[in-house]
N, C-alpha and C. Protein backbone atom coordinates (compact mmCIF):
# COMPACT_ATOMS: atom_id res chain seq x y z
N MET A 1 82.86 236.68 -123.43
CA MET A 1 82.37 235.39 -123.31
C MET A 1 80.95 235.62 -123.89
N GLU A 2 80.78 233.95 -124.91
CA GLU A 2 79.93 233.96 -125.80
C GLU A 2 78.73 233.51 -124.87
N ARG A 3 77.82 233.82 -126.00
CA ARG A 3 76.24 233.01 -125.39
C ARG A 3 76.52 231.42 -124.70
N GLY A 4 76.00 230.58 -123.71
CA GLY A 4 76.02 229.51 -123.90
C GLY A 4 76.99 228.77 -123.62
N LYS A 5 78.10 229.78 -123.49
CA LYS A 5 79.54 228.72 -123.51
C LYS A 5 79.41 229.60 -122.20
N LEU A 6 79.11 229.35 -121.10
CA LEU A 6 79.21 229.79 -119.21
C LEU A 6 80.11 228.80 -118.67
N THR A 7 80.67 228.66 -117.55
CA THR A 7 80.98 227.34 -117.07
C THR A 7 79.82 227.22 -115.62
N ALA A 8 80.12 225.85 -115.22
CA ALA A 8 79.50 225.30 -114.42
C ALA A 8 79.00 227.17 -112.82
N GLY A 9 80.37 226.86 -112.68
CA GLY A 9 80.45 228.12 -111.72
C GLY A 9 80.20 229.50 -112.46
N ARG A 10 80.55 229.25 -113.02
CA ARG A 10 79.74 231.21 -113.76
C ARG A 10 78.21 230.93 -113.59
N ARG A 11 77.60 230.21 -113.89
CA ARG A 11 75.82 229.95 -114.30
C ARG A 11 75.29 229.77 -112.87
N LEU A 12 76.65 229.03 -111.18
CA LEU A 12 75.91 229.26 -110.37
C LEU A 12 76.33 230.86 -109.90
N SER A 13 77.23 231.06 -109.99
CA SER A 13 77.53 232.09 -109.13
C SER A 13 76.35 233.72 -109.99
N LEU A 14 76.14 233.10 -111.30
CA LEU A 14 74.51 234.05 -111.43
C LEU A 14 73.61 233.92 -111.08
N GLY A 15 73.36 232.85 -111.13
CA GLY A 15 71.75 231.89 -110.24
C GLY A 15 72.08 232.66 -108.93
N ALA A 16 73.52 232.12 -107.79
CA ALA A 16 73.76 232.55 -107.13
C ALA A 16 72.85 234.35 -106.46
N MET A 17 73.96 234.95 -107.38
CA MET A 17 73.51 236.93 -107.14
C MET A 17 72.10 236.51 -107.62
N VAL A 18 71.43 236.47 -108.65
CA VAL A 18 69.59 237.44 -109.41
C VAL A 18 69.06 236.14 -107.72
N THR A 19 69.52 234.95 -107.47
CA THR A 19 68.37 235.14 -106.22
C THR A 19 68.77 235.47 -105.20
N ALA A 20 69.52 236.37 -104.80
CA ALA A 20 70.26 237.49 -103.40
C ALA A 20 69.58 238.69 -103.69
N LEU A 21 70.00 238.69 -104.74
CA LEU A 21 69.29 240.38 -105.13
C LEU A 21 67.34 239.98 -105.70
N THR A 22 67.25 239.31 -105.99
CA THR A 22 65.18 239.59 -105.86
C THR A 22 65.61 239.26 -104.79
N LEU A 23 65.53 238.18 -103.91
CA LEU A 23 65.02 237.71 -102.35
C LEU A 23 65.00 239.76 -101.61
N LEU A 24 66.39 240.04 -101.90
CA LEU A 24 66.52 241.18 -100.88
C LEU A 24 65.50 242.54 -101.32
N PHE A 25 65.19 243.09 -102.70
CA PHE A 25 64.33 243.57 -103.40
C PHE A 25 63.13 242.95 -102.90
N LEU A 26 62.72 242.17 -102.88
CA LEU A 26 61.07 240.83 -102.36
C LEU A 26 60.88 241.68 -101.04
N TYR A 27 61.61 241.24 -100.36
CA TYR A 27 61.65 241.95 -98.78
C TYR A 27 62.19 242.97 -98.58
N ALA A 28 62.43 244.17 -99.39
CA ALA A 28 62.64 245.09 -99.05
C ALA A 28 61.28 246.06 -100.00
N SER A 29 60.17 245.09 -100.39
CA SER A 29 59.64 245.44 -101.42
C SER A 29 57.95 245.13 -100.48
N GLU A 30 58.58 244.27 -99.04
CA GLU A 30 57.60 244.21 -97.64
C GLU A 30 57.91 244.99 -97.39
N VAL A 31 58.67 245.78 -96.46
CA VAL A 31 59.56 246.58 -94.82
C VAL A 31 59.10 247.47 -95.51
N LEU A 32 59.07 248.17 -96.78
CA LEU A 32 59.15 249.67 -97.44
C LEU A 32 58.49 249.30 -97.74
N THR A 33 57.52 249.79 -97.56
CA THR A 33 55.68 250.00 -97.30
C THR A 33 55.52 251.44 -98.73
N GLY A 34 56.46 252.87 -98.70
CA GLY A 34 56.08 253.76 -99.89
C GLY A 34 56.84 253.25 -101.26
N PHE A 35 57.80 252.40 -100.71
CA PHE A 35 58.67 252.14 -102.14
C PHE A 35 58.77 250.09 -102.96
N ARG A 36 57.10 250.34 -102.26
CA ARG A 36 56.37 248.86 -102.46
C ARG A 36 56.34 248.24 -104.09
N PHE A 37 56.06 249.09 -104.97
CA PHE A 37 55.42 248.59 -105.89
C PHE A 37 57.02 248.80 -106.74
N LEU A 38 58.13 250.06 -106.58
CA LEU A 38 58.75 250.09 -107.24
C LEU A 38 60.52 248.76 -107.34
N CYS A 39 60.72 248.89 -105.55
CA CYS A 39 60.44 247.32 -104.85
C CYS A 39 60.47 246.11 -105.70
N GLY A 40 59.24 245.47 -105.71
CA GLY A 40 58.40 244.87 -106.16
C GLY A 40 58.43 244.70 -108.20
N CYS A 41 58.80 245.32 -108.84
CA CYS A 41 59.48 246.17 -109.69
C CYS A 41 60.74 245.39 -110.16
N LEU A 42 61.60 245.86 -109.38
CA LEU A 42 62.86 245.71 -109.06
C LEU A 42 63.02 244.23 -108.75
N CYS A 43 62.51 243.73 -108.27
CA CYS A 43 63.03 242.13 -107.64
C CYS A 43 62.41 241.09 -108.63
N SER A 44 61.59 241.66 -109.73
CA SER A 44 61.07 240.80 -110.67
C SER A 44 62.29 240.73 -112.01
N LEU A 45 63.13 242.25 -112.30
CA LEU A 45 63.63 242.55 -113.48
C LEU A 45 64.91 241.16 -113.22
N PHE A 46 65.51 241.05 -112.10
CA PHE A 46 67.16 240.34 -111.91
C PHE A 46 66.74 238.96 -113.03
N ILE A 47 65.61 238.51 -112.86
CA ILE A 47 65.53 237.15 -113.88
C ILE A 47 66.11 237.02 -115.21
N VAL A 48 65.84 238.87 -115.65
CA VAL A 48 66.73 239.32 -116.97
C VAL A 48 67.94 238.85 -117.02
N ILE A 49 68.86 238.57 -116.11
CA ILE A 49 70.38 238.28 -116.00
C ILE A 49 70.53 236.53 -116.38
N LEU A 50 69.59 235.57 -116.38
CA LEU A 50 69.66 234.19 -116.72
C LEU A 50 69.07 234.08 -117.77
N THR A 51 67.65 234.88 -118.19
CA THR A 51 67.24 234.28 -119.14
C THR A 51 67.67 234.93 -120.28
N GLU A 52 68.42 236.04 -120.41
CA GLU A 52 69.11 236.68 -121.81
C GLU A 52 70.56 235.93 -121.75
N GLU A 53 70.85 235.01 -121.02
CA GLU A 53 71.86 233.67 -121.24
C GLU A 53 70.92 233.07 -121.70
N ASP A 54 69.76 232.89 -122.13
CA ASP A 54 69.38 231.76 -122.04
C ASP A 54 69.62 230.09 -121.24
N LEU A 55 69.67 230.45 -119.67
CA LEU A 55 69.97 229.86 -118.19
C LEU A 55 68.30 230.22 -117.79
N PHE A 56 66.81 228.72 -118.29
CA PHE A 56 65.80 228.91 -118.28
C PHE A 56 65.87 227.65 -117.12
N GLY A 57 66.70 227.11 -116.99
CA GLY A 57 67.03 226.05 -115.66
C GLY A 57 66.75 226.41 -114.11
N PRO A 58 68.34 227.49 -114.57
CA PRO A 58 69.19 227.64 -113.24
C PRO A 58 68.01 229.76 -112.72
N ALA A 59 66.87 230.04 -113.85
CA ALA A 59 65.96 230.80 -113.99
C ALA A 59 65.11 230.28 -112.54
N TRP A 60 64.10 229.40 -113.07
CA TRP A 60 63.68 228.71 -112.91
C TRP A 60 63.23 227.92 -111.05
N LEU A 61 65.12 227.86 -111.13
CA LEU A 61 65.06 227.29 -109.88
C LEU A 61 65.65 228.75 -108.70
N CYS A 62 66.13 229.73 -109.20
CA CYS A 62 65.84 231.16 -108.86
C CYS A 62 64.69 231.48 -108.37
N PHE A 63 63.06 230.99 -109.74
CA PHE A 63 61.90 231.56 -108.58
C PHE A 63 61.45 230.72 -107.90
N LEU A 64 62.09 229.58 -107.99
CA LEU A 64 61.33 228.62 -106.96
C LEU A 64 62.30 228.99 -106.08
N ALA A 65 63.41 228.77 -105.55
CA ALA A 65 64.34 229.75 -104.40
C ALA A 65 63.40 231.15 -103.75
N VAL A 66 63.53 231.67 -104.40
CA VAL A 66 63.09 233.60 -103.87
C VAL A 66 61.20 233.32 -103.80
N SER A 67 60.60 232.18 -103.71
CA SER A 67 59.19 232.16 -103.60
C SER A 67 59.55 231.07 -102.33
N ILE A 68 60.25 230.72 -102.09
CA ILE A 68 59.78 229.43 -101.12
C ILE A 68 60.67 230.12 -99.42
N LEU A 69 62.00 231.01 -99.79
CA LEU A 69 62.51 231.66 -99.07
C LEU A 69 61.42 232.98 -99.11
N GLY A 70 61.34 234.15 -99.36
CA GLY A 70 60.54 234.80 -99.47
C GLY A 70 59.43 234.49 -98.34
N PHE A 71 57.97 233.51 -98.43
CA PHE A 71 58.08 232.66 -97.66
C PHE A 71 57.70 232.81 -96.62
N LEU A 72 58.87 232.46 -96.15
CA LEU A 72 59.29 231.55 -94.89
C LEU A 72 60.24 233.27 -94.22
N LEU A 73 60.34 234.22 -95.41
CA LEU A 73 61.25 235.46 -94.84
C LEU A 73 60.35 236.24 -94.69
N CYS A 74 59.44 237.33 -95.33
CA CYS A 74 58.61 238.18 -95.83
C CYS A 74 58.35 238.08 -94.92
N PRO A 75 57.70 239.62 -93.64
CA PRO A 75 56.88 239.76 -92.65
C PRO A 75 55.31 239.77 -93.14
N ASP A 76 55.68 240.32 -94.40
CA ASP A 76 53.67 240.28 -95.28
C ASP A 76 53.83 240.04 -96.45
N HIS A 77 52.70 239.03 -97.04
CA HIS A 77 53.18 238.04 -97.49
C HIS A 77 52.40 239.26 -99.49
N PHE A 78 52.16 240.20 -99.38
CA PHE A 78 51.44 241.24 -100.00
C PHE A 78 52.21 241.11 -100.87
N SER A 79 53.81 241.36 -100.91
CA SER A 79 54.01 241.88 -102.19
C SER A 79 54.83 240.21 -103.20
N TRP A 80 54.80 239.71 -102.17
CA TRP A 80 55.48 237.64 -101.95
C TRP A 80 54.45 237.46 -103.29
N PHE A 81 53.30 237.33 -102.54
CA PHE A 81 51.85 236.86 -103.69
C PHE A 81 51.89 237.53 -104.57
N PHE A 82 52.21 238.73 -104.86
CA PHE A 82 52.70 238.91 -106.12
C PHE A 82 53.30 238.63 -107.57
N TYR A 83 54.76 238.47 -106.12
CA TYR A 83 55.94 238.14 -107.11
C TYR A 83 55.62 236.07 -107.43
N VAL A 84 54.97 235.99 -107.13
CA VAL A 84 54.99 234.44 -107.30
C VAL A 84 53.31 234.44 -108.15
N THR A 85 52.84 235.00 -108.38
CA THR A 85 51.71 234.58 -109.18
C THR A 85 51.59 235.60 -110.22
N ILE A 86 52.89 236.75 -110.46
CA ILE A 86 52.47 237.77 -111.23
C ILE A 86 54.20 237.97 -111.86
N LEU A 87 54.53 238.58 -111.45
CA LEU A 87 56.17 239.10 -110.96
C LEU A 87 57.81 238.15 -111.47
N GLY A 88 56.65 236.97 -110.75
CA GLY A 88 58.43 236.08 -110.21
C GLY A 88 58.97 235.27 -112.68
N HIS A 89 57.52 235.07 -112.33
CA HIS A 89 57.94 234.43 -113.57
C HIS A 89 57.65 234.59 -114.81
N TYR A 90 57.12 235.76 -114.67
CA TYR A 90 57.24 236.60 -115.96
C TYR A 90 57.92 236.86 -116.91
N GLY A 91 59.55 237.08 -116.68
CA GLY A 91 60.34 237.49 -117.30
C GLY A 91 61.03 236.41 -118.02
N ILE A 92 60.33 235.16 -117.34
CA ILE A 92 61.10 233.99 -117.70
C ILE A 92 60.91 233.03 -119.65
N VAL A 93 58.76 233.22 -118.69
CA VAL A 93 58.02 233.22 -120.06
C VAL A 93 58.59 233.97 -121.01
N ARG A 94 58.32 235.62 -120.42
CA ARG A 94 58.72 236.93 -121.72
C ARG A 94 59.33 236.17 -122.75
N ARG A 95 60.95 235.94 -121.96
CA ARG A 95 61.78 235.39 -123.05
C ARG A 95 62.23 234.06 -123.52
N PHE A 96 61.11 233.32 -123.51
CA PHE A 96 60.57 232.16 -124.35
C PHE A 96 59.60 232.08 -124.85
N PHE A 97 58.85 233.53 -124.68
CA PHE A 97 57.56 233.58 -126.65
C PHE A 97 58.61 234.72 -126.95
N ARG A 98 60.13 235.27 -126.25
CA ARG A 98 60.39 236.38 -127.75
C ARG A 98 60.91 235.24 -128.52
N LYS A 99 61.72 233.60 -127.84
CA LYS A 99 62.87 233.12 -128.57
C LYS A 99 61.71 232.20 -129.80
N TYR A 100 60.70 232.21 -129.27
CA TYR A 100 60.57 230.78 -130.32
C TYR A 100 59.33 231.70 -131.05
N ILE A 101 58.62 232.78 -130.67
CA ILE A 101 57.46 233.66 -130.88
C ILE A 101 57.60 234.62 -132.04
N THR A 102 58.33 234.71 -133.02
CA THR A 102 58.81 235.34 -134.36
C THR A 102 57.82 236.18 -135.08
N VAL A 103 56.25 236.33 -134.72
CA VAL A 103 56.10 237.02 -134.63
C VAL A 103 55.58 238.14 -134.13
N PRO A 104 56.15 240.06 -133.49
CA PRO A 104 55.61 240.72 -132.75
C PRO A 104 54.24 240.57 -131.72
N ALA A 105 52.93 240.90 -133.46
CA ALA A 105 51.93 240.72 -132.81
C ALA A 105 51.25 239.98 -132.03
N VAL A 106 51.63 238.67 -132.90
CA VAL A 106 51.36 237.57 -131.43
C VAL A 106 52.15 237.25 -130.53
N ARG A 107 53.61 237.70 -130.56
CA ARG A 107 54.48 237.44 -128.88
C ARG A 107 53.62 238.50 -127.77
N SER A 108 52.66 239.77 -128.52
CA SER A 108 52.41 240.66 -127.25
C SER A 108 51.30 240.14 -126.90
N LEU A 109 50.57 239.46 -128.23
CA LEU A 109 49.01 238.95 -127.71
C LEU A 109 49.28 237.28 -126.65
N PHE A 110 50.22 237.03 -126.54
CA PHE A 110 50.57 235.79 -125.76
C PHE A 110 50.74 236.35 -124.52
N THR A 111 51.91 237.61 -124.20
CA THR A 111 52.10 237.59 -122.97
C THR A 111 51.21 238.40 -122.46
N VAL A 112 50.42 239.34 -122.90
CA VAL A 112 49.45 240.21 -122.35
C VAL A 112 48.54 238.66 -122.07
N LEU A 113 48.36 237.75 -122.67
CA LEU A 113 47.34 236.28 -122.25
C LEU A 113 47.90 236.18 -120.90
N TYR A 114 49.24 235.79 -120.57
CA TYR A 114 49.96 235.73 -120.25
C TYR A 114 49.96 235.54 -118.50
N CYS A 115 49.56 237.15 -118.80
CA CYS A 115 49.38 238.06 -117.35
C CYS A 115 48.01 237.93 -117.15
N ASN A 116 47.31 238.37 -118.31
CA ASN A 116 45.65 237.26 -117.52
C ASN A 116 45.60 236.28 -116.65
N GLY A 117 45.87 235.27 -117.88
CA GLY A 117 45.98 233.96 -116.91
C GLY A 117 46.57 233.76 -115.47
N GLY A 118 47.69 234.78 -114.68
CA GLY A 118 48.29 235.13 -113.99
C GLY A 118 47.32 235.34 -112.97
N THR A 119 47.10 236.73 -113.94
CA THR A 119 46.25 237.80 -112.53
C THR A 119 44.44 237.36 -112.23
N ALA A 120 44.45 236.21 -113.03
CA ALA A 120 43.23 235.69 -113.00
C ALA A 120 42.89 234.22 -112.00
N LEU A 121 44.45 233.59 -112.09
CA LEU A 121 44.81 232.80 -111.00
C LEU A 121 44.80 233.10 -110.16
N GLY A 122 46.05 234.17 -109.60
CA GLY A 122 46.00 234.67 -108.25
C GLY A 122 45.04 235.42 -107.85
N LEU A 123 43.65 236.14 -108.92
CA LEU A 123 42.60 236.47 -107.74
C LEU A 123 41.63 235.16 -107.58
N TRP A 124 41.76 234.26 -107.77
CA TRP A 124 40.92 232.87 -108.09
C TRP A 124 41.85 232.32 -106.04
N ALA A 125 42.86 232.71 -106.29
CA ALA A 125 43.67 231.82 -104.96
C ALA A 125 43.34 232.73 -103.76
N LEU A 126 43.17 234.27 -104.60
CA LEU A 126 43.12 235.33 -103.34
C LEU A 126 41.11 234.99 -102.60
N HIS A 127 40.62 234.25 -103.73
CA HIS A 127 38.97 234.48 -103.23
C HIS A 127 38.90 232.72 -102.95
N THR A 128 39.38 231.84 -103.40
CA THR A 128 39.01 230.23 -102.63
C THR A 128 39.93 229.74 -101.78
N ILE A 129 41.23 229.89 -101.72
CA ILE A 129 42.05 229.67 -100.84
C ILE A 129 42.44 230.44 -99.61
N ALA A 130 42.54 231.68 -99.75
CA ALA A 130 43.07 233.52 -98.51
C ALA A 130 41.73 233.19 -98.20
N GLY A 131 40.98 233.04 -98.95
CA GLY A 131 39.27 233.41 -98.00
C GLY A 131 39.03 235.35 -98.64
N VAL A 132 39.93 235.68 -99.19
CA VAL A 132 40.45 237.38 -99.13
C VAL A 132 38.33 237.60 -99.88
N ASN A 133 37.77 238.77 -99.64
CA ASN A 133 36.54 239.26 -100.44
C ASN A 133 37.05 240.03 -102.06
N VAL A 134 37.41 239.58 -102.80
CA VAL A 134 37.98 240.24 -104.47
C VAL A 134 37.76 241.63 -104.56
N ALA A 135 36.14 241.73 -104.14
CA ALA A 135 35.55 242.67 -104.59
C ALA A 135 36.40 244.06 -103.27
N SER A 136 36.04 243.36 -102.36
CA SER A 136 37.11 245.02 -100.96
C SER A 136 38.19 245.94 -101.56
N LEU A 137 38.49 244.97 -102.29
CA LEU A 137 40.31 244.82 -103.00
C LEU A 137 40.62 246.25 -103.80
N LEU A 138 39.61 246.34 -104.36
CA LEU A 138 39.22 247.09 -105.86
C LEU A 138 38.63 248.63 -105.08
N PRO A 139 38.95 249.98 -105.76
CA PRO A 139 38.97 250.83 -105.39
C PRO A 139 36.37 251.18 -105.59
N GLU A 140 36.36 251.89 -105.25
CA GLU A 140 35.32 252.19 -105.37
C GLU A 140 35.39 253.34 -105.95
N GLY A 141 34.12 253.52 -107.34
CA GLY A 141 33.71 254.59 -107.73
C GLY A 141 34.66 255.02 -108.55
N ILE A 142 35.22 253.35 -109.66
CA ILE A 142 35.86 253.36 -110.14
C ILE A 142 34.92 252.16 -111.11
N PRO A 143 34.60 252.76 -112.63
CA PRO A 143 34.44 251.13 -113.16
C PRO A 143 34.78 250.22 -113.35
N THR A 144 34.33 248.54 -113.66
CA THR A 144 35.19 248.03 -114.02
C THR A 144 36.29 247.79 -114.63
N VAL A 145 35.74 248.45 -116.22
CA VAL A 145 36.27 248.52 -117.68
C VAL A 145 37.13 249.14 -117.41
N VAL A 146 36.83 250.31 -116.65
CA VAL A 146 38.67 251.10 -116.67
C VAL A 146 39.70 250.53 -116.01
N LEU A 147 39.16 249.44 -114.96
CA LEU A 147 40.35 249.26 -114.02
C LEU A 147 40.89 248.28 -115.18
N ILE A 148 40.27 247.26 -115.97
CA ILE A 148 40.37 246.05 -116.44
C ILE A 148 41.49 246.55 -117.58
N LEU A 149 41.56 248.47 -117.89
CA LEU A 149 41.79 248.72 -118.83
C LEU A 149 43.12 249.30 -118.34
N LEU A 150 43.16 249.63 -117.55
CA LEU A 150 45.00 250.69 -116.52
C LEU A 150 45.50 248.95 -116.24
N VAL A 151 44.59 247.47 -115.76
CA VAL A 151 45.95 246.56 -115.64
C VAL A 151 46.61 246.33 -116.71
N GLU A 152 45.91 246.80 -117.70
CA GLU A 152 45.95 245.32 -119.36
C GLU A 152 47.26 246.91 -119.82
N ALA A 153 47.02 248.49 -118.97
CA ALA A 153 48.00 249.13 -119.73
C ALA A 153 49.13 248.61 -118.65
N ALA A 154 49.37 248.36 -117.46
CA ALA A 154 50.49 248.62 -116.67
C ALA A 154 51.16 246.84 -117.43
N PHE A 155 50.73 245.79 -117.80
CA PHE A 155 51.17 245.26 -118.57
C PHE A 155 52.29 244.82 -119.68
N PHE A 156 51.61 245.68 -120.54
CA PHE A 156 52.51 246.33 -121.85
C PHE A 156 53.52 247.66 -120.86
N LEU A 157 52.89 248.22 -119.85
CA LEU A 157 54.52 248.80 -119.72
C LEU A 157 55.55 248.07 -118.77
N LEU A 158 55.09 246.96 -118.34
CA LEU A 158 56.07 245.58 -117.77
C LEU A 158 56.64 244.77 -118.43
N ASP A 159 55.97 244.95 -119.82
CA ASP A 159 56.97 244.67 -120.62
C ASP A 159 58.18 245.43 -121.10
N VAL A 160 57.81 246.75 -121.79
CA VAL A 160 58.55 247.59 -121.85
C VAL A 160 59.95 247.92 -120.93
N LEU A 161 59.12 247.48 -119.66
CA LEU A 161 60.55 247.67 -118.55
C LEU A 161 61.71 246.41 -118.76
N PHE A 162 60.52 245.36 -118.50
CA PHE A 162 61.64 244.45 -119.18
C PHE A 162 62.56 244.48 -120.24
N GLU A 163 62.06 244.53 -121.23
CA GLU A 163 63.08 245.21 -122.65
C GLU A 163 64.26 245.85 -122.45
N ALA A 164 63.52 247.22 -121.17
CA ALA A 164 64.59 247.88 -121.36
C ALA A 164 65.80 247.09 -120.45
N ALA A 165 65.06 246.60 -119.33
CA ALA A 165 65.90 246.07 -118.76
C ALA A 165 67.33 244.71 -119.07
N ALA A 166 66.41 243.84 -120.30
CA ALA A 166 67.54 242.91 -121.42
C ALA A 166 68.41 244.02 -122.48
N SER A 167 67.49 245.05 -122.43
CA SER A 167 68.83 245.75 -123.67
C SER A 167 69.61 246.43 -122.73
N MET A 168 69.65 246.96 -121.63
CA MET A 168 70.49 247.77 -120.60
C MET A 168 71.19 246.85 -119.73
N TYR A 169 70.97 245.17 -120.07
CA TYR A 169 72.40 244.15 -119.92
C TYR A 169 72.78 244.16 -120.66
N GLN A 170 72.17 243.86 -121.27
CA GLN A 170 73.06 243.11 -123.32
C GLN A 170 74.08 244.37 -122.94
N LYS A 171 73.74 245.62 -123.42
CA LYS A 171 74.76 246.43 -123.62
C LYS A 171 75.95 247.15 -122.90
N ARG A 172 74.65 247.02 -121.34
CA ARG A 172 75.93 247.75 -120.56
C ARG A 172 76.88 246.96 -119.16
N LEU A 173 75.75 245.31 -118.55
CA LEU A 173 76.79 244.91 -117.54
C LEU A 173 76.69 243.82 -118.00
N ARG A 174 76.59 242.93 -119.24
CA ARG A 174 76.94 241.91 -119.60
C ARG A 174 78.77 241.68 -119.60
N ARG A 175 79.24 242.95 -120.19
CA ARG A 175 80.81 242.56 -120.18
C ARG A 175 80.99 242.52 -118.85
N PHE A 176 81.04 243.42 -118.22
CA PHE A 176 80.89 243.48 -116.51
C PHE A 176 80.53 241.98 -115.57
N LEU A 177 79.91 241.56 -116.02
CA LEU A 177 79.67 240.74 -115.02
C LEU A 177 80.47 239.08 -116.05
N LEU A 178 80.53 239.23 -117.06
CA LEU A 178 80.74 237.58 -117.28
C LEU A 178 82.09 237.97 -118.00
N ARG A 179 83.30 239.14 -117.22
CA ARG A 179 84.28 239.09 -117.82
C ARG A 179 85.22 237.90 -117.24
């Protein structure tokens, strides 16, 4: 099936599938603390299915639904918070950047700036809204510059993971999902 030629039923079923899988892995990241990071990354990767089909509206609806349902269903809101502030919408914005910014260096700059903005907003929300001492969350003995460089490296790794997920979807999964 050609891109952009999905029927309303297929768009709805893809959106529902992505929402269910994302919510399942978000809940798993809250419950399976040993796999928190892995499940948190996986819950953010499912949005690739919608964004690779240029279904930005359903992708934003999926993000909104998972954000609301995740808040209501997840026992601990640690992974939910990171999903809402960075991971959930990153795949949508990343695809938007890939679609409309053709210069790779500029595109990478915008994605890293977007991640930095989301991180700053999340830390601000933790401090002002939740009243969390953000400095107490940072590991002791590691200079702030090193922590910033590690976070930047994590953002680039996140971009590589999304690129791999998009490639795997296009090469292997798309033909099975859209038959």
